[in-house]
Protein backbone atom coordinates (compact mmCIF):
# COMPACT_ATOMS: atom_id res chain seq x y z
CA MET A 1 -19.50 7.96 12.55
CA GLU A 2 -18.59 4.64 12.41
CA ASN A 3 -16.02 2.84 15.12
CA LEU A 4 -14.69 -1.08 15.23
CA TYR A 5 -15.82 -2.49 18.22
CA ILE A 6 -13.07 -5.98 18.77
CA ARG A 7 -13.74 -8.17 21.39
CA GLY A 8 -10.54 -10.51 21.51
CA GLY A 9 -9.48 -13.60 22.66
CA ASN A 10 -10.33 -16.05 19.56
CA ALA A 11 -8.09 -17.53 17.62
CA LEU A 12 -8.22 -17.43 13.92
CA SER A 13 -9.12 -20.39 11.63
CA GLY A 14 -10.68 -20.57 7.67
CA GLU A 15 -9.59 -19.56 4.45
CA VAL A 16 -9.87 -15.77 3.56
CA GLU A 17 -9.15 -14.47 -0.03
CA ILE A 18 -6.43 -12.10 -0.88
CA GLY A 19 -8.05 -8.98 -2.70
CA GLY A 20 -5.64 -7.25 -5.36
CA SER A 21 -3.24 -4.99 -4.58
CA LYS A 22 -4.19 -1.30 -3.74
CA ASN A 23 -0.35 0.01 -4.51
CA ASP A 24 -0.14 -2.06 -7.88
CA ALA A 25 -3.87 -0.78 -8.88
CA LEU A 26 -3.09 2.80 -8.73
CA ALA A 27 0.16 2.41 -10.33
CA ILE A 28 -1.65 0.56 -13.46
CA LEU A 29 -4.70 2.86 -13.11
CA VAL A 30 -2.28 5.70 -13.73
CA GLY A 31 -0.34 4.21 -16.51
CA ALA A 32 -3.77 3.31 -18.01
CA ILE A 33 -4.18 7.05 -19.27
CA LEU A 34 -1.35 6.72 -21.60
CA VAL A 35 -3.87 4.36 -23.60
CA PRO A 36 -5.99 5.81 -26.25
CA GLY A 37 -8.84 2.80 -25.87
CA ILE A 38 -10.35 0.77 -23.32
CA THR A 39 -8.02 -1.23 -20.88
CA VAL A 40 -9.68 -4.21 -19.14
CA LEU A 41 -8.11 -4.58 -15.43
CA ARG A 42 -9.20 -7.70 -13.48
CA ASN A 43 -8.27 -8.45 -9.56
CA VAL A 44 -8.81 -4.77 -8.69
CA PRO A 45 -9.41 -4.34 -5.25
CA VAL A 46 -12.44 -2.00 -4.51
CA ASN A 47 -10.99 0.36 -1.76
CA THR A 48 -11.67 4.29 -1.05
CA ASP A 49 -7.89 5.02 -2.51
CA ILE A 50 -8.92 3.17 -5.42
CA TYR A 51 -12.38 5.23 -6.05
CA ASN A 52 -10.78 8.33 -5.42
CA LEU A 53 -8.38 8.02 -8.01
CA LEU A 54 -11.23 6.73 -10.56
CA ASN A 55 -13.13 10.19 -9.43
CA ILE A 56 -10.18 12.19 -10.68
CA PHE A 57 -10.19 10.27 -13.65
CA GLN A 58 -13.90 10.90 -14.29
CA HIS A 59 -13.72 14.47 -13.11
CA MET A 60 -11.05 14.95 -16.38
CA GLY A 61 -13.12 13.14 -18.67
CA VAL A 62 -11.96 9.30 -18.58
CA LYS A 63 -14.99 7.14 -18.49
CA TYR A 64 -14.71 3.78 -16.17
CA ARG A 65 -17.27 1.12 -14.98
CA PHE A 66 -17.13 -2.17 -13.32
CA LEU A 67 -18.01 -5.22 -15.18
CA THR A 68 -18.12 -7.46 -12.22
CA ALA A 69 -17.05 -6.86 -8.69
CA THR A 70 -13.44 -6.64 -9.47
CA THR A 71 -13.09 -6.51 -13.13
CA LEU A 72 -12.58 -3.03 -14.33
CA GLU A 73 -12.90 -1.22 -17.81
CA LEU A 74 -11.24 1.87 -18.18
CA ASP A 75 -11.81 4.26 -21.52
CA ALA A 76 -9.06 6.96 -21.55
CA SER A 77 -9.94 7.64 -25.24
CA GLN A 78 -12.18 10.67 -23.98
CA LEU A 79 -9.47 12.19 -21.38
CA THR A 80 -9.69 15.97 -22.17
CA THR A 81 -7.70 17.97 -19.86
CA SER A 82 -4.19 17.76 -18.55
CA GLU A 83 -5.70 20.23 -14.88
CA THR A 84 -6.15 18.17 -12.07
CA PRO A 85 -8.64 18.72 -9.77
CA HIS A 86 -6.87 19.89 -6.92
CA ASP A 87 -8.86 18.86 -3.89
CA LEU A 88 -9.30 15.55 -5.07
CA VAL A 89 -5.03 14.84 -5.83
CA ARG A 90 -4.17 16.21 -2.57
CA GLN A 91 -6.37 13.53 -0.51
CA MET A 92 -4.08 10.59 -1.39
CA ARG A 93 0.06 10.84 -2.42
CA ALA A 94 -1.18 7.97 -5.35
CA SER A 95 -2.61 10.81 -7.51
CA PHE A 96 0.58 12.74 -8.03
CA ASN A 97 1.80 10.17 -10.43
CA ILE A 98 -0.61 11.56 -12.46
CA LEU A 99 1.81 14.63 -13.23
CA GLY A 100 4.05 12.71 -15.41
CA ALA A 101 1.12 10.68 -17.52
CA LEU A 102 -0.63 13.82 -18.10
CA MET A 103 2.35 15.56 -19.46
CA ALA A 104 3.14 12.45 -21.76
CA ARG A 105 -0.33 12.60 -23.39
CA PHE A 106 -0.75 16.57 -23.52
CA GLY A 107 2.80 18.42 -23.02
CA HIS A 108 1.57 20.34 -20.02
CA ALA A 109 -0.42 19.55 -16.73
CA GLU A 110 -1.12 20.92 -13.30
CA VAL A 111 -1.17 18.56 -10.46
CA ALA A 112 -1.65 19.79 -6.60
CA MET A 113 1.03 18.97 -3.72
CA PRO A 114 -0.45 14.96 -2.56
CA GLY A 115 -1.67 13.87 0.65
CA GLY A 116 -2.02 11.13 1.93
CA CYS A 117 -0.95 9.16 5.52
CA ASN A 118 1.22 11.19 7.88
CA ILE A 119 4.03 9.00 8.59
CA GLY A 120 7.19 11.17 7.92
CA ALA A 121 8.36 13.56 5.20
CA ARG A 122 7.84 12.09 1.59
CA PRO A 123 9.06 14.85 -0.68
CA VAL A 124 7.81 14.82 -4.74
CA ASN A 125 11.39 16.53 -5.59
CA PHE A 126 12.47 13.14 -6.43
CA HIS A 127 10.21 12.79 -9.02
CA ILE A 128 10.17 16.36 -10.55
CA GLU A 129 14.05 16.48 -10.51
CA GLY A 130 13.25 12.91 -12.76
CA LEU A 131 10.82 14.44 -14.91
CA ARG A 132 12.93 17.39 -15.45
CA GLN A 133 15.84 15.42 -16.60
CA LEU A 134 13.11 13.98 -18.93
CA GLY A 135 13.03 17.43 -20.16
CA ALA A 136 10.31 19.08 -18.25
CA GLN A 137 10.10 22.22 -16.73
CA PHE A 138 7.87 23.07 -13.68
CA THR A 139 6.56 26.04 -11.62
CA LEU A 140 5.47 25.61 -8.04
CA GLU A 141 2.52 27.97 -7.26
CA HIS A 142 0.16 27.96 -4.29
CA GLY A 143 0.83 24.17 -3.48
CA VAL A 144 0.48 23.49 -7.71
CA TYR A 145 2.96 22.00 -9.89
CA TYR A 146 2.84 23.50 -13.56
CA GLY A 147 4.61 21.35 -15.78
CA LYS A 148 5.15 21.73 -19.24
CA VAL A 149 7.45 19.61 -22.33
CA ASP A 150 7.44 19.69 -26.13
CA ARG A 151 8.15 15.45 -25.84
CA PHE A 152 10.14 13.53 -23.42
CA LEU A 153 13.05 12.74 -24.01
CA GLY A 154 15.47 9.53 -23.24
CA ALA A 155 18.04 10.02 -20.43
CA THR A 156 19.83 8.65 -17.96
CA ILE A 157 18.43 9.07 -14.07
CA ASN A 158 20.29 8.35 -11.33
CA LEU A 159 17.48 8.13 -8.10
CA GLU A 160 18.96 9.02 -4.29
CA PHE A 161 16.76 6.44 -3.14
CA PRO A 162 15.14 4.11 -4.77
CA SER A 163 11.77 5.28 -4.51
CA ALA A 164 8.54 2.33 -5.68
CA GLY A 165 6.33 5.88 -6.25
CA THR A 166 9.26 7.65 -8.52
CA THR A 167 10.28 4.57 -9.98
CA GLN A 168 6.79 3.64 -11.27
CA HIS A 169 6.52 7.38 -12.28
CA LEU A 170 9.39 8.11 -14.42
CA MET A 171 8.83 4.15 -15.72
CA ILE A 172 5.27 6.03 -16.97
CA ALA A 173 6.66 9.22 -18.17
CA ALA A 174 9.53 7.70 -20.18
CA THR A 175 7.10 4.72 -21.68
CA CYS A 176 6.79 7.57 -24.75
CA ALA A 177 9.77 9.51 -24.43
CA PHE A 178 11.69 9.75 -27.74
CA GLY A 179 14.74 7.53 -26.94
CA THR A 180 16.25 5.52 -24.39
CA THR A 181 15.89 6.31 -20.95
CA ILE A 182 17.98 4.37 -18.01
CA ILE A 183 16.73 4.51 -14.58
CA GLU A 184 19.55 3.85 -11.73
CA ASN A 185 19.12 2.50 -8.42
CA CYS A 186 15.34 1.79 -9.20
CA ALA A 187 13.04 0.42 -6.65
CA ALA A 188 12.54 -3.58 -7.05
CA GLU A 189 9.06 -4.19 -5.47
CA PRO A 190 6.80 -6.87 -7.15
CA GLU A 191 4.27 -3.55 -8.00
CA VAL A 192 6.76 -2.40 -10.00
CA VAL A 193 8.16 -5.39 -12.04
CA ASN A 194 3.74 -6.00 -12.58
CA LEU A 195 3.66 -1.87 -13.74
CA ALA A 196 6.06 -2.84 -16.03
CA GLU A 197 4.90 -5.82 -17.78
CA PHE A 198 1.42 -4.32 -17.82
CA LEU A 199 3.12 -1.48 -19.68
CA ASN A 200 5.23 -3.50 -22.15
CA ALA A 201 1.27 -5.67 -22.92
CA CYS A 202 0.39 -2.38 -24.23
CA GLY A 203 3.23 -1.82 -26.48
CA ALA A 204 5.84 -0.50 -24.26
CA LYS A 205 9.87 -1.64 -24.50
CA ILE A 206 10.64 -1.99 -20.62
CA GLU A 207 13.45 -3.92 -19.86
CA GLY A 208 15.14 -5.02 -15.85
CA ALA A 209 12.29 -4.37 -13.98
CA GLY A 210 13.14 -5.73 -10.32
CA THR A 211 16.46 -4.80 -10.82
CA PRO A 212 18.23 -1.65 -10.07
CA THR A 213 18.57 -1.09 -13.53
CA ILE A 214 15.49 -0.24 -15.93
CA VAL A 215 16.27 0.69 -19.40
CA ILE A 216 13.28 1.73 -21.34
CA GLU A 217 13.03 2.35 -25.49
CA GLY A 218 10.43 4.71 -26.10
CA VAL A 219 7.35 4.05 -28.43
CA LYS A 220 4.91 6.59 -30.23
CA THR A 221 1.94 4.98 -28.58
CA LEU A 222 0.47 2.24 -26.39
CA HIS A 223 -2.53 -0.01 -27.51
CA PRO A 224 -5.55 -1.37 -25.11
CA THR A 225 -4.99 -5.09 -23.45
CA GLU A 226 -6.48 -6.82 -20.63
CA PHE A 227 -4.45 -7.26 -17.22
CA SER A 228 -4.87 -8.74 -13.98
CA ILE A 229 -4.01 -6.94 -10.50
CA LEU A 230 -1.45 -8.82 -8.58
CA PRO A 231 -2.89 -10.15 -4.82
CA ASP A 232 -1.73 -7.82 -2.18
CA ARG A 233 0.92 -8.49 0.07
CA MET A 234 -0.02 -5.99 2.66
CA GLN A 235 -3.48 -7.72 3.18
CA ALA A 236 -1.61 -11.04 2.99
CA GLY A 237 0.76 -10.14 5.81
CA THR A 238 -1.85 -8.10 7.86
CA TYR A 239 -3.56 -11.55 7.84
CA ALA A 240 -0.57 -13.71 8.15
CA VAL A 241 0.29 -12.03 11.75
CA ALA A 242 -3.50 -11.66 12.84
CA ALA A 243 -3.55 -15.49 12.84
CA ALA A 244 -0.23 -15.66 14.32
CA ILE A 245 -1.03 -13.42 17.45
CA THR A 246 -4.30 -15.35 17.97
CA ARG A 247 -2.90 -18.87 17.79
CA GLY A 248 -4.91 -19.45 15.17
CA ASP A 249 -4.74 -21.23 11.45
CA VAL A 250 -5.13 -19.98 8.37
CA PHE A 251 -4.90 -20.52 4.34
CA LEU A 252 -4.31 -17.09 2.76
CA LYS A 253 -6.01 -17.62 -0.70
CA ASN A 254 -3.98 -16.43 -3.58
CA ALA A 255 -1.30 -14.94 -1.56
CA VAL A 256 2.17 -14.77 -3.29
CA TYR A 257 5.32 -16.47 -1.01
CA GLU A 258 7.65 -14.69 -2.45
CA HIS A 259 6.08 -11.62 -2.60
CA CYS A 260 5.81 -11.76 1.25
CA ARG A 261 9.02 -13.60 2.12
CA PRO A 262 11.17 -11.33 3.92
CA LEU A 263 7.54 -11.01 6.58
CA PHE A 264 7.60 -14.33 6.59
CA ALA A 265 10.89 -14.95 7.21
CA LYS A 266 10.90 -12.79 10.50
CA MET A 267 7.64 -14.66 11.65
CA LEU A 268 9.45 -18.31 10.85
CA ASP A 269 12.36 -16.27 13.34
CA ALA A 270 9.57 -15.87 15.40
CA GLY A 271 8.35 -19.19 15.70
CA ILE A 272 5.30 -19.12 13.53
CA GLN A 273 4.80 -21.84 11.01
CA ILE A 274 4.13 -20.78 7.66
CA ASP A 275 3.89 -22.92 4.35
CA ALA A 276 3.42 -22.02 0.57
CA GLU A 277 0.62 -24.75 -0.70
CA GLU A 278 -1.32 -24.62 -3.84
CA GLY A 279 -3.43 -21.60 -4.19
CA GLY A 280 -1.55 -19.91 -1.47
CA VAL A 281 0.05 -20.08 1.88
CA ARG A 282 -0.89 -21.61 5.24
CA VAL A 283 0.05 -19.24 8.86
CA ARG A 284 -0.36 -21.49 12.12
CA ARG A 285 1.11 -20.96 15.51
CA SER A 286 1.39 -24.02 17.64
CA ALA A 287 3.85 -22.81 20.06
CA ASN A 288 2.60 -21.36 23.43
CA SER A 289 5.19 -18.43 23.34
CA ILE A 290 6.38 -16.06 20.43
CA LEU A 291 9.88 -15.46 20.23
CA PRO A 292 11.22 -11.92 20.29
CA ILE A 293 13.39 -11.22 17.27
CA ASP A 294 14.70 -7.74 16.19
CA PHE A 295 14.40 -6.13 12.33
CA LYS A 296 14.94 -3.41 10.07
CA THR A 297 12.78 -1.76 7.34
CA MET A 298 14.85 -1.45 3.94
CA PRO A 299 14.08 -0.82 0.43
CA HIS A 300 12.71 -4.28 -1.06
CA PRO A 301 13.81 -7.10 -0.71
CA GLY A 302 14.64 -5.69 2.58
CA PHE A 303 11.53 -5.79 4.97
CA PRO A 304 8.73 -3.39 4.15
CA THR A 305 7.99 -0.17 6.06
CA ASP A 306 4.10 -0.95 5.54
CA MET A 307 4.18 -4.21 7.54
CA GLN A 308 6.38 -2.39 10.80
CA PRO A 309 3.79 -1.52 12.80
CA ILE A 310 1.75 -4.73 12.23
CA LEU A 311 4.69 -7.08 12.53
CA ALA A 312 5.94 -4.93 16.06
CA THR A 313 2.38 -5.36 17.30
CA MET A 314 2.74 -9.24 17.61
CA LEU A 315 5.84 -8.45 19.00
CA ALA A 316 3.99 -6.34 21.98
CA VAL A 317 3.18 -10.25 23.07
CA ALA A 318 6.44 -11.81 22.38
CA ASP A 319 7.99 -13.72 25.13
CA GLY A 320 11.12 -11.08 25.58
CA THR A 321 12.30 -8.24 24.19
CA SER A 322 12.56 -7.00 20.72
CA VAL A 323 13.66 -4.19 18.95
CA VAL A 324 12.50 -2.29 15.81
CA THR A 325 14.62 0.00 13.40
CA GLU A 326 12.17 1.91 10.89
CA THR A 327 14.79 3.82 8.41
CA ILE A 328 12.20 4.69 5.89
CA TYR A 329 10.00 7.04 7.64
CA GLU A 330 10.66 8.94 10.82
CA ASN A 331 6.68 9.29 11.87
CA ARG A 332 5.92 5.73 11.20
CA PHE A 333 5.88 4.77 15.51
CA ARG A 334 2.75 6.80 16.16
CA TYR A 335 0.52 3.92 16.32
CA THR A 336 2.73 3.00 19.57
CA MET A 337 0.98 5.46 21.49
CA GLU A 338 -2.47 3.98 20.66
CA LEU A 339 -0.68 0.21 21.85
CA ALA A 340 0.45 1.73 25.14
CA LYS A 341 -3.39 2.62 25.69
CA MET A 342 -3.29 -1.43 25.61
CA GLY A 343 -0.76 -2.14 27.88
CA ALA A 344 2.19 -2.49 25.56
CA ASP A 345 5.43 -2.13 27.04
CA ILE A 346 7.17 0.05 24.36
CA ARG A 347 9.76 2.66 24.63
CA ILE A 348 10.92 4.93 21.22
CA SER A 349 14.28 5.98 20.81
CA GLY A 350 15.54 7.80 17.83
CA ARG A 351 14.50 5.69 15.21
CA ASN A 352 14.22 2.55 17.32
CA ALA A 353 11.30 1.11 19.06
CA ILE A 354 12.41 -1.52 21.95
CA ILE A 355 9.59 -3.55 22.69
CA THR A 356 9.31 -5.91 25.78
CA GLY A 357 6.44 -8.46 25.36
CA ILE A 358 3.82 -8.65 28.24
CA LYS A 359 1.40 -11.69 28.94
CA ARG A 360 -1.57 -9.73 27.48
CA LEU A 361 -3.05 -6.64 26.14
CA SER A 362 -6.12 -4.92 27.36
CA GLY A 363 -8.75 -3.34 25.61
CA ALA A 364 -9.11 -0.01 25.52
CA PRO A 365 -10.46 2.64 22.73
CA VAL A 366 -7.52 3.87 20.63
CA VAL A 367 -7.42 6.07 17.21
CA SER A 368 -6.20 4.89 13.91
CA PRO A 369 -3.48 6.97 13.23
CA ASP A 370 -2.73 6.16 9.48
CA LEU A 371 -3.54 3.47 7.14
CA ARG A 372 -1.57 0.18 8.34
CA GLY A 373 -0.91 1.81 11.86
CA GLY A 374 -5.20 1.11 11.87
CA ALA A 375 -4.62 -1.90 10.92
CA ALA A 376 -2.14 -2.69 13.37
CA LEU A 377 -4.83 -1.86 16.20
CA VAL A 378 -7.31 -4.03 14.68
CA VAL A 379 -4.72 -7.14 14.97
CA ALA A 380 -4.04 -6.07 18.76
CA GLY A 381 -8.04 -5.62 19.15
CA LEU A 382 -8.05 -9.24 18.53
CA VAL A 383 -6.02 -10.55 20.99
CA ALA A 384 -6.61 -7.95 23.65
CA GLU A 385 -8.61 -9.14 26.87
CA GLY A 386 -11.86 -7.29 26.75
CA THR A 387 -13.22 -5.03 24.21
CA THR A 388 -11.16 -2.79 22.11
CA GLU A 389 -12.76 0.27 20.18
CA VAL A 390 -10.83 1.75 16.75
CA SER A 391 -11.54 4.62 15.68
CA ASP A 392 -10.45 7.17 12.46
CA LEU A 393 -11.57 3.96 10.14
CA TYR A 394 -11.26 6.02 7.31
CA HIS A 395 -7.49 5.62 7.18
CA ILE A 396 -7.75 1.46 7.55
CA ASP A 397 -10.70 2.16 4.51
CA ARG A 398 -8.04 3.26 2.05
CA GLY A 399 -6.03 -0.35 2.47
CA TYR A 400 -8.21 -2.78 3.17
CA GLU A 401 -11.83 -4.22 1.50
CA HIS A 402 -14.00 -6.13 3.55
CA PHE A 403 -11.72 -6.35 6.42
CA VAL A 404 -14.30 -6.90 9.25
CA GLU A 405 -15.96 -9.35 7.32
CA ASN A 406 -12.88 -11.23 6.43
CA LEU A 407 -12.03 -11.49 9.90
CA ARG A 408 -15.79 -12.52 11.20
CA GLY A 409 -15.48 -15.06 8.65
CA LEU A 410 -12.29 -16.13 10.37
CA GLY A 411 -13.83 -16.05 13.62
CA ALA A 412 -13.07 -12.79 15.00
CA ASP A 413 -15.40 -11.24 17.49
CA ILE A 414 -15.18 -7.53 15.56
CA ARG A 415 -18.08 -5.29 14.99
CA ARG A 416 -18.65 -2.24 13.03
CA LEU A 417 -21.03 -0.04 14.23
CA ASN A 418 -22.47 3.38 13.61
CA VAL A 419 -21.87 5.66 17.26
CA LYS A 420 -23.80 8.97 17.89
CA GLU A 421 -20.72 11.42 20.15
CA GLY A 422 -20.84 10.96 23.51
CA SER A 423 -22.82 7.38 23.21
CA LEU A 424 -21.91 3.88 23.08
CA PRO A 425 -23.54 0.62 22.17
CA CYS A 426 -24.89 -1.47 25.27
CA SER A 427 -23.30 -4.72 23.45
CA VAL A 428 -20.71 -5.53 21.15
């Protein structure tokens, strides 16, 4: 078992390189299994979610190798089966999007119900209903979806909710469908746009990505290409808040200001200085206090739900009371119980968190409840008085690469140590 030990109080300063986007890479990797040949992807992040998906692919005959630390060569020409390894698929939600890609390629597939972070209800009915409108038929037995289709047929699909995962799933499935597919009420995240650009680079005909309506003219086949993964806006946001909460000055190399605008807009309201510079974004805090703010999570271009725990943690030490409204996932506030162990004054009322800022947090043993909640606890530890111990790091490992090394490079006093049950290291 490994835990993080953080001694708070150091202002972060320097430069941190923002790696490739986990969410972008997962979607593009799924799209790549439609390509009968070798796909080369640059700026691929190295985290457990990526390796889990590659492990699933490998069990199905896909070959891959890293040409460099972040350049991946994927050969899906040897994909031999549409039966996925169920135990591996259940470990991560993004793997469910394999269903549409496999059906597009083989005409049939079997994929287990997905797992992932327990942040609330994330049903796959939007995915299944969209694929049905493209002509698929499904049965559900023992937690596994069995799907079949002669060939996907173009259709007009109106999404009940602009889900990024559903939008990406249906885009991939419709890429090689017969006829034209129109998807209404689409998600508009940068990762949706980049997936469309990747598929188009492979020969797809997709228009409108980034708007509420995406039009896909089906093609018979795709061809190999080389493509780059976006910088991870959630990583960038996490380091931005870490800089702000510690009164630091950090340059986020490769961060794209526009992709992080909803977060940065709220941070500016809180009195944090944020400037787009050549090659990235600089975040600094010169004011003694953080101003309280209110914000509500919404589909893009609204405030991203993934950044809600991170920014709320900063507000726990703001000078006043803030109100955070979570409209996407009902269990997103689980991390607040852990923050309370560190002295945070947070009251949950339905979908709202009322946060009354305190002067300082106090280090304590806390448990990472999910990916972003775990990152939030690390950010809290950076400013807490004394030592914070964060356990259940496997959540954090799903979305952050070189997290400890990067924070140490910025001046944080943080260690990742093996700990025997019932004992603690004598020093951090």
